[in-house]
Protein backbone atom coordinates (compact mmCIF):
# COMPACT_ATOMS: atom_id res chain seq x y z
CA MET A 1 87.78 78.18 75.78
CA ASP A 2 87.68 74.45 75.05
CA PHE A 3 91.25 74.17 76.32
CA ASP A 4 90.44 76.09 79.51
CA PHE A 5 87.33 74.01 80.15
CA ASP A 6 89.46 70.87 79.79
CA GLN A 7 91.74 72.25 82.51
CA LEU A 8 88.73 72.84 84.72
CA GLU A 9 87.68 69.22 84.26
CA GLN A 10 91.13 68.05 85.36
CA GLU A 11 90.96 70.39 88.36
CA ILE A 12 87.58 69.10 89.50
CA VAL A 13 88.69 65.47 89.05
CA ASN A 14 91.69 66.21 91.28
CA LEU A 15 89.39 67.77 93.86
CA GLY A 16 87.14 64.72 93.73
CA ASP A 17 90.12 62.39 94.19
CA PHE A 18 91.25 64.44 97.19
CA SER A 19 87.73 64.27 98.64
CA THR A 20 87.73 60.48 98.32
CA LYS A 21 91.14 60.31 99.97
CA ILE A 22 90.11 62.33 103.02
CA TYR A 23 86.84 60.38 103.24
CA HIS A 24 88.79 57.18 103.74
CA SER A 25 90.75 58.93 106.51
CA LYS A 26 87.70 60.58 108.05
CA ASP A 27 87.82 58.68 111.34
CA THR A 28 91.28 60.08 112.04
CA ILE A 29 90.38 63.54 110.76
CA THR A 30 87.20 63.96 112.80
CA LYS A 31 89.04 63.37 116.09
CA SER A 32 91.03 66.58 115.68
CA ASN A 33 88.68 68.73 113.61
CA PRO A 34 87.52 72.06 115.11
CA PHE A 35 84.07 71.82 113.50
CA PHE A 36 82.81 69.39 116.13
CA PHE A 37 80.92 72.14 117.97
CA PHE A 38 78.37 72.86 115.23
CA ASP A 39 74.97 72.08 116.69
CA PHE A 40 72.96 73.56 113.79
CA SER A 41 70.85 75.71 116.09
CA GLU A 42 71.33 78.07 113.16
CA ARG A 43 71.10 76.44 109.77
CA ILE A 44 73.35 79.00 108.07
CA ILE A 45 76.95 79.39 109.21
CA ASN A 46 79.56 82.00 108.20
CA SER A 47 77.19 84.20 106.23
CA GLU A 48 78.18 87.60 104.87
CA PRO A 49 78.48 90.45 105.74
CA ASP A 50 80.29 89.24 108.85
CA ALA A 51 81.76 86.03 107.44
CA ASN A 52 85.34 84.90 107.85
CA PRO A 53 86.74 85.28 104.31
CA ASP A 54 88.96 82.23 104.72
CA PHE A 55 86.04 79.82 105.10
CA SER A 56 82.97 78.72 103.20
CA THR A 57 79.40 79.61 103.93
CA ILE A 58 77.48 76.55 105.11
CA TYR A 59 73.77 76.04 104.47
CA PHE A 60 71.86 73.17 106.09
CA SER A 61 68.28 73.08 104.85
CA GLU A 62 65.43 72.72 107.33
CA ILE A 63 64.36 69.58 105.50
CA GLY A 64 67.70 67.97 106.39
CA ASN A 65 66.97 65.91 109.49
CA ASN A 66 70.22 64.01 110.11
CA LYS A 67 72.20 66.57 112.07
CA GLU A 68 74.74 64.04 113.31
CA ALA A 69 75.64 62.91 109.80
CA ALA A 70 75.80 66.54 108.62
CA ARG A 71 78.08 67.43 111.52
CA ASP A 72 80.32 64.47 110.68
CA LEU A 73 80.47 65.56 107.03
CA LEU A 74 81.57 69.05 108.04
CA LYS A 75 84.32 67.62 110.21
CA TRP A 76 86.09 65.57 107.58
CA THR A 77 85.50 68.03 104.73
CA TYR A 78 87.18 70.81 106.69
CA ALA A 79 90.31 69.95 104.68
CA LEU A 80 88.52 71.17 101.54
CA GLU A 81 88.54 74.78 102.74
CA ARG A 82 92.12 75.45 101.63
CA LYS A 83 91.47 73.69 98.32
CA PHE A 84 88.36 75.79 97.64
CA LYS A 85 90.19 79.02 98.41
CA ARG A 86 93.19 78.11 96.25
CA ILE A 87 90.97 77.29 93.27
CA ILE A 88 89.18 80.63 93.48
CA GLU A 89 92.45 82.54 93.83
CA ASN A 90 94.16 80.74 90.94
CA THR A 91 91.28 80.38 88.46
CA PRO A 92 89.55 83.71 87.71
CA THR A 93 86.89 82.15 85.49
CA ILE A 94 85.51 80.14 88.42
CA SER A 95 83.20 82.36 90.46
CA GLN A 96 82.51 79.86 93.24
CA VAL A 97 83.35 76.33 94.40
CA TYR A 98 80.95 74.23 96.44
CA PHE A 99 79.52 70.86 97.23
CA ASN A 100 75.94 69.74 97.77
CA SER A 101 75.24 66.67 99.87
CA PRO A 102 72.16 64.42 99.83
CA LEU A 103 71.98 65.33 103.53
CA GLN A 104 70.72 68.76 102.31
CA LEU A 105 74.02 70.38 103.24
CA ASN A 106 75.80 72.92 101.05
CA LYS A 107 79.31 74.32 101.51
CA LEU A 108 80.26 77.20 99.19
CA TYR A 109 83.32 79.42 98.81
CA PRO A 110 83.74 82.37 98.76
CA PRO A 111 81.27 83.21 101.55
CA TYR A 112 78.09 85.07 100.65
CA PRO A 113 75.02 86.54 102.42
CA ALA A 114 73.09 83.28 102.55
CA LYS A 115 70.70 84.51 105.24
CA PHE A 116 69.30 87.06 102.81
CA MET A 117 69.35 84.93 99.65
CA LEU A 118 68.22 81.40 100.47
CA ALA A 119 64.88 80.17 101.68
CA PRO A 120 65.37 78.08 104.84
CA ASP A 121 63.79 74.91 103.47
CA LEU A 122 65.32 74.43 100.01
CA ASP A 123 65.49 70.90 98.63
CA LEU A 124 69.03 70.92 97.22
CA LYS A 125 68.43 67.65 95.39
CA GLN A 126 65.85 69.34 93.14
CA PHE A 127 68.39 71.70 91.56
CA ASN A 128 70.16 70.91 88.30
CA PHE A 129 73.55 71.56 89.90
CA PHE A 130 72.88 68.47 92.02
CA TYR A 131 70.65 66.06 90.14
CA GLU A 132 72.47 66.25 86.79
CA ALA A 133 75.48 64.59 88.47
CA THR A 134 73.52 61.71 90.02
CA LEU A 135 73.41 58.15 88.68
CA GLU A 136 70.06 58.70 87.00
CA TYR A 137 71.50 61.44 84.79
CA ASN A 138 75.20 60.57 84.95
CA PRO A 139 75.66 56.77 85.22
CA THR A 140 79.37 57.01 84.33
CA LYS A 141 80.05 59.02 87.52
CA ALA A 142 82.31 61.30 85.45
CA PRO A 143 82.47 65.11 85.51
CA VAL A 144 79.49 66.62 83.71
CA TRP A 145 78.63 70.11 82.48
CA VAL A 146 75.27 71.69 83.24
CA GLN A 147 74.80 73.11 79.77
CA ASP A 148 71.45 74.77 80.35
CA ILE A 149 72.05 78.37 81.38
CA TYR A 150 70.48 79.04 84.76
CA LEU A 151 70.29 81.75 87.39
CA ASP A 152 72.60 81.31 90.33
CA PRO A 153 70.68 80.99 93.62
CA VAL A 154 73.27 83.13 95.44
CA GLY A 155 73.12 86.14 93.16
CA LYS A 156 75.98 85.72 90.66
CA GLY A 157 73.66 85.93 87.64
CA TRP A 158 73.46 83.65 84.60
CA MET A 159 75.92 80.79 84.67
CA VAL A 160 76.94 77.28 83.71
CA SER A 161 78.38 74.68 86.06
CA LEU A 162 80.85 71.84 85.99
CA LEU A 163 79.89 69.03 88.36
CA ASN A 164 81.76 66.05 89.75
CA PRO A 165 80.04 63.44 91.94
CA VAL A 166 82.07 61.95 94.79
CA TYR A 167 81.16 58.37 95.67
CA ASP A 168 82.02 55.73 98.19
CA GLN A 169 81.28 52.75 95.93
CA ASP A 170 77.63 53.46 95.00
CA GLN A 171 76.93 55.84 97.87
CA LEU A 172 76.89 59.46 96.69
CA LEU A 173 78.73 61.52 99.30
CA PHE A 174 78.25 64.88 97.59
CA VAL A 175 78.45 66.71 94.27
CA ILE A 176 81.30 69.19 93.78
CA GLY A 177 80.57 72.20 91.61
CA PHE A 178 82.51 74.89 89.77
CA ASP A 179 80.42 77.85 88.58
CA ILE A 180 81.35 80.00 85.58
CA THR A 181 79.25 83.10 85.01
CA LEU A 182 78.25 84.21 81.55
CA LYS A 183 79.66 87.62 82.43
CA ASP A 184 83.09 86.04 82.89
CA ILE A 185 82.75 84.07 79.64
CA VAL A 186 82.04 87.32 77.78
CA GLU A 187 84.89 89.22 79.43
CA THR A 188 87.43 86.41 79.24
CA TYR A 189 86.73 85.16 75.74
CA VAL A 190 84.23 87.05 73.60
CA ASN A 191 85.44 90.58 74.36
CA GLN A 192 89.06 89.66 73.63
CA TYR A 193 88.28 89.85 69.91
CA SER A 194 87.04 92.60 67.65
CA LYS A 195 84.88 90.08 65.80
CA GLN A 196 81.12 90.09 66.27
CA LEU A 197 80.79 86.77 68.05
CA ILE A 198 77.82 85.03 69.58
CA ILE A 199 77.61 81.70 71.41
CA ILE A 200 74.38 79.70 71.42
CA ASP A 201 73.51 76.35 72.96
CA ALA A 202 71.88 73.35 71.30
CA THR A 203 68.39 74.74 71.97
CA GLY A 204 69.19 78.01 70.20
CA THR A 205 69.46 80.00 73.44
CA ILE A 206 72.06 82.75 73.75
CA VAL A 207 74.99 81.89 76.00
CA ALA A 208 77.07 85.02 75.36
CA GLY A 209 77.86 87.48 72.61
CA LYS A 210 78.54 90.99 71.41
CA SER A 211 75.58 93.36 71.57
CA ARG A 212 75.56 94.11 67.84
CA ALA A 213 75.63 90.40 66.97
CA ILE A 214 72.74 89.64 69.32
CA GLU A 215 70.65 92.55 68.07
CA ALA A 216 71.32 91.55 64.44
CA LEU A 217 69.56 88.28 65.15
CA SER A 218 66.48 90.21 66.28
CA LEU A 219 66.88 89.31 69.95
CA PRO A 220 66.93 91.62 72.98
CA PRO A 221 70.31 92.21 74.69
CA LEU A 222 71.07 89.58 77.29
CA LYS A 223 71.22 91.44 80.59
CA ASP A 224 72.84 89.95 83.65
CA HIS A 225 70.31 89.24 86.36
CA ILE A 226 70.69 89.34 90.13
CA TYR A 227 68.02 87.97 92.43
CA SER A 228 66.31 90.48 94.68
CA HIS A 229 64.37 87.73 96.43
CA THR A 230 64.99 84.18 97.59
CA ILE A 231 65.00 81.43 94.99
CA THR A 232 63.01 78.22 95.26
CA SER A 233 63.75 76.38 92.01
CA ASP A 234 65.82 76.31 88.83
CA SER A 235 65.36 79.39 86.66
CA PHE A 236 66.48 79.25 83.05
CA ILE A 237 66.96 81.95 80.42
CA PRO A 238 63.50 82.80 79.06
CA GLU A 239 62.32 82.10 75.55
CA GLU A 240 62.85 85.62 74.22
CA PHE A 241 66.59 84.90 74.17
CA ASN A 242 66.19 81.90 71.88
CA LEU A 243 66.94 82.11 68.12
CA PHE A 244 63.93 79.94 67.37
CA LYS A 245 61.82 82.67 68.99
CA SER A 246 63.38 85.50 66.99
CA LYS A 247 60.96 87.98 65.47
CA ASN A 248 62.75 87.44 62.15
CA SER A 249 61.71 84.29 60.28
CA LEU A 250 65.05 84.29 58.42
CA VAL A 251 66.87 84.04 61.75
CA ARG A 252 64.63 81.18 62.83
CA ASN A 253 65.40 79.36 59.57
CA MET A 254 69.11 80.02 60.03
CA ALA A 255 68.99 78.54 63.54
CA SER A 256 67.36 75.42 62.15
CA ASP A 257 70.04 75.13 59.44
CA VAL A 258 72.87 75.49 61.98
CA ILE A 259 71.57 73.39 64.88
CA LEU A 260 69.48 70.79 63.09
CA GLY A 261 71.19 70.80 59.69
CA ASN A 262 74.81 71.20 60.87
CA LYS A 263 75.34 74.08 58.46
CA LEU A 264 78.69 75.82 59.00
CA GLU A 265 78.15 78.94 56.89
CA PHE A 266 75.13 81.08 56.09
CA GLU A 267 74.07 84.39 54.63
CA LEU A 268 71.15 86.43 55.83
CA THR A 269 69.69 89.36 53.93
CA SER A 270 66.63 91.31 54.94
CA ASP A 271 65.18 94.73 54.17
CA PHE A 272 67.26 96.26 56.96
CA ASP A 273 70.46 94.25 57.16
CA SER A 274 72.77 91.89 55.30
CA PHE A 275 75.44 89.72 56.87
CA SER A 276 77.06 86.29 56.74
CA GLY A 277 78.08 83.90 59.46
CA VAL A 278 80.65 81.19 60.04
CA VAL A 279 79.86 78.50 62.61
CA LYS A 280 82.16 76.36 64.77
CA LYS A 281 80.83 73.75 67.18
CA PHE A 282 82.59 73.47 70.51
CA ASP A 283 84.44 70.23 71.18
CA ARG A 284 83.29 69.88 74.76
CA MET A 285 80.08 71.81 75.25
CA ASN A 286 77.03 71.32 73.08
CA TRP A 287 77.41 74.95 71.99
CA TYR A 288 77.99 76.83 68.74
CA LEU A 289 80.24 79.82 68.11
CA ILE A 290 78.98 82.11 65.35
CA ASP A 291 81.16 84.81 63.76
CA LEU A 292 79.04 87.43 62.00
CA SER A 293 80.37 89.70 59.23
CA TRP A 294 78.49 92.53 57.57
CA LYS A 295 78.60 93.15 53.84
């Protein structure tokens, strides 16, 4: 998983470099680009169920007031469409590729039913998949992982994101994002082993894991969640999925030993269960992999 995430970082850096390259050629590109006709009379373009599958869905928030600049951005970023599609086709763990612009413009592939999922006046800059890549949070301008698990605004469930800001000197053009769902993390990594594995983040919140391992730590099963209504803000996994909120005091103490005390092995014995655990911290993410074994 660490190796694969490293490959994703290289991929998003390459996409950022390509974005910078076409930005510096944007005057030439915009003269021949077919997106010149967008007048934004409708703020959502290419929405499912009738979307062209070869192109992104475009969302321009009602609070975005610079239509000319947004139209210009769409013209020169048209070249990203083939890149977005290729990434999705070649990298199964990435569920969607997108960028968010300070102009309040979002382009996301593959297309989705935006008209039914997004409120018309979202402030894209208030979401963690934008602001965590900005200078305030990311002064190095390097790729950054959103390590807090959050609910995807377009209905893909719990996920984490890899972000890469694209700048022209100190002007932020947009933030590129790769989304990886927790469902895909479970299917691609955790379920490939017979071991009872669980992944937690630095706050003690479940990222992914086998059902028996999660239940052994006195937590409810982590169900995937799909929005049935429009989203207006970040939404993070609630407290009941946090080890520090476990009903079992022994589990809470174990979480403290692992996360705060850097303990790499533990044993836990209660009236109903007895098991041990081995812990490995991820190299890249601020996460912990726990392998549980029953006596």
